[in-house]
């Protein structure tokens, strides 16, 4: 995961505060529970993205010879693979 736990907690606190300030939002749980749920969602998304990145690297490694032989742009290929895998998983990047 590319983000430290402290940063995730800080983001979760900021989002919770923004939601609390919105008059159209009503918490059905304690503010603390909302903050924990938001932090968990952020962490889950980061972990999913890390898993997608690992899968992309595996694909690139499996096809490394072909990529090299055809002189493909590795950065562009990595992005295309990442988008395709994310779309297949229903994950928005």
Protein backbone atom coordinates (compact mmCIF):
# COMPACT_ATOMS: atom_id res chain seq x y z
CA UNK A 1 0.00 0.00 0.00
CA UNK A 2 1.41 3.33 -1.03
CA UNK A 3 -0.22 5.35 1.74
CA UNK A 4 0.69 5.26 5.41
CA UNK A 5 -2.01 4.40 7.93
CA UNK A 6 -1.74 7.88 9.45
CA UNK A 7 -2.51 9.47 6.08
CA UNK A 8 -5.52 7.18 5.61
CA UNK A 9 -6.82 8.17 9.04
CA UNK A 10 -6.27 11.84 8.26
CA UNK A 11 -8.21 11.54 4.98
CA UNK A 12 -11.00 9.64 6.71
CA UNK A 13 -11.22 12.39 9.35
CA UNK A 14 -11.37 15.12 6.71
CA UNK A 15 -14.08 13.35 4.72
CA UNK A 16 -16.06 12.71 7.89
CA UNK A 17 -15.80 16.36 8.83
CA UNK A 18 -16.95 17.48 5.38
CA UNK A 19 -19.92 15.13 5.60
CA UNK A 20 -20.76 16.36 9.11
CA UNK A 21 -20.80 19.96 7.87
CA UNK A 22 -23.21 19.09 5.04
CA UNK A 23 -26.78 19.80 6.16
CA UNK A 24 -28.11 17.17 3.75
CA UNK A 25 -26.13 14.37 5.42
CA UNK A 26 -27.36 12.66 8.56
CA UNK A 27 -25.14 10.14 10.30
CA UNK A 28 -26.97 6.97 11.26
CA UNK A 29 -23.97 5.85 13.31
CA UNK A 30 -21.54 7.69 15.55
CA UNK A 31 -19.05 10.03 13.93
CA UNK A 32 -16.29 7.70 15.06
CA UNK A 33 -17.93 4.71 13.36
CA UNK A 34 -18.36 6.73 10.16
CA UNK A 35 -14.69 7.75 10.24
CA UNK A 36 -13.61 4.11 10.73
CA UNK A 37 -15.85 2.96 7.86
CA UNK A 38 -14.45 5.62 5.54
CA UNK A 39 -10.90 4.69 6.53
CA UNK A 40 -11.66 1.03 5.82
CA UNK A 41 -13.08 1.92 2.41
CA UNK A 42 -9.98 3.94 1.54
CA UNK A 43 -7.70 1.11 2.69
CA UNK A 44 -9.71 -1.49 0.75
CA UNK A 45 -9.51 0.59 -2.43
CA UNK A 46 -5.75 1.04 -2.06
CA UNK A 47 -5.29 -2.69 -1.49
CA UNK A 48 -7.42 -3.47 -4.56
CA UNK A 49 -5.36 -1.09 -6.66
CA UNK A 50 -2.16 -2.71 -5.37
CA UNK A 51 -3.53 -6.12 -6.37
CA UNK A 52 -4.34 -4.78 -9.84
CA UNK A 53 -0.80 -3.40 -10.11
CA UNK A 54 0.64 -6.81 -9.17
CA UNK A 55 -1.52 -8.49 -11.79
CA UNK A 56 -0.37 -5.97 -14.41
CA UNK A 57 3.28 -6.62 -13.56
CA UNK A 58 2.70 -10.38 -13.86
CA UNK A 59 1.17 -9.88 -17.31
CA UNK A 60 4.06 -7.67 -18.40
CA UNK A 61 6.59 -10.19 -17.12
CA UNK A 62 4.84 -13.07 -18.90
CA UNK A 63 4.92 -11.17 -22.18
CA UNK A 64 8.24 -9.38 -21.69
CA UNK A 65 9.94 -10.98 -24.68
CA UNK A 66 7.07 -10.10 -27.04
CA UNK A 67 6.90 -6.56 -25.66
CA UNK A 68 10.62 -6.12 -26.21
CA UNK A 69 10.58 -7.70 -29.67
CA UNK A 70 7.76 -5.48 -30.83
CA UNK A 71 9.29 -2.40 -29.17
CA UNK A 72 6.05 -1.56 -27.34
CA UNK A 73 5.75 1.42 -25.02
CA UNK A 74 5.89 -0.22 -21.59
CA UNK A 75 4.32 2.72 -19.77
CA UNK A 76 1.39 2.88 -22.18
CA UNK A 77 0.93 -0.89 -22.09
CA UNK A 78 0.99 -0.89 -18.28
CA UNK A 79 -1.74 1.76 -18.22
CA UNK A 80 -3.90 -0.12 -20.75
CA UNK A 81 -3.58 -3.37 -18.81
CA UNK A 82 -4.40 -1.59 -15.56
CA UNK A 83 -7.51 0.03 -17.02
CA UNK A 84 -8.66 -3.25 -18.55
CA UNK A 85 -8.20 -5.26 -15.34
CA UNK A 86 -9.84 -2.55 -13.26
CA UNK A 87 -12.82 -2.45 -15.64
CA UNK A 88 -13.16 -6.26 -15.49
CA UNK A 89 -13.25 -6.05 -11.68
CA UNK A 90 -15.71 -3.16 -11.67
CA UNK A 91 -13.07 -0.98 -10.04
CA UNK A 92 -12.84 2.69 -10.97
CA UNK A 93 -9.36 4.16 -11.16
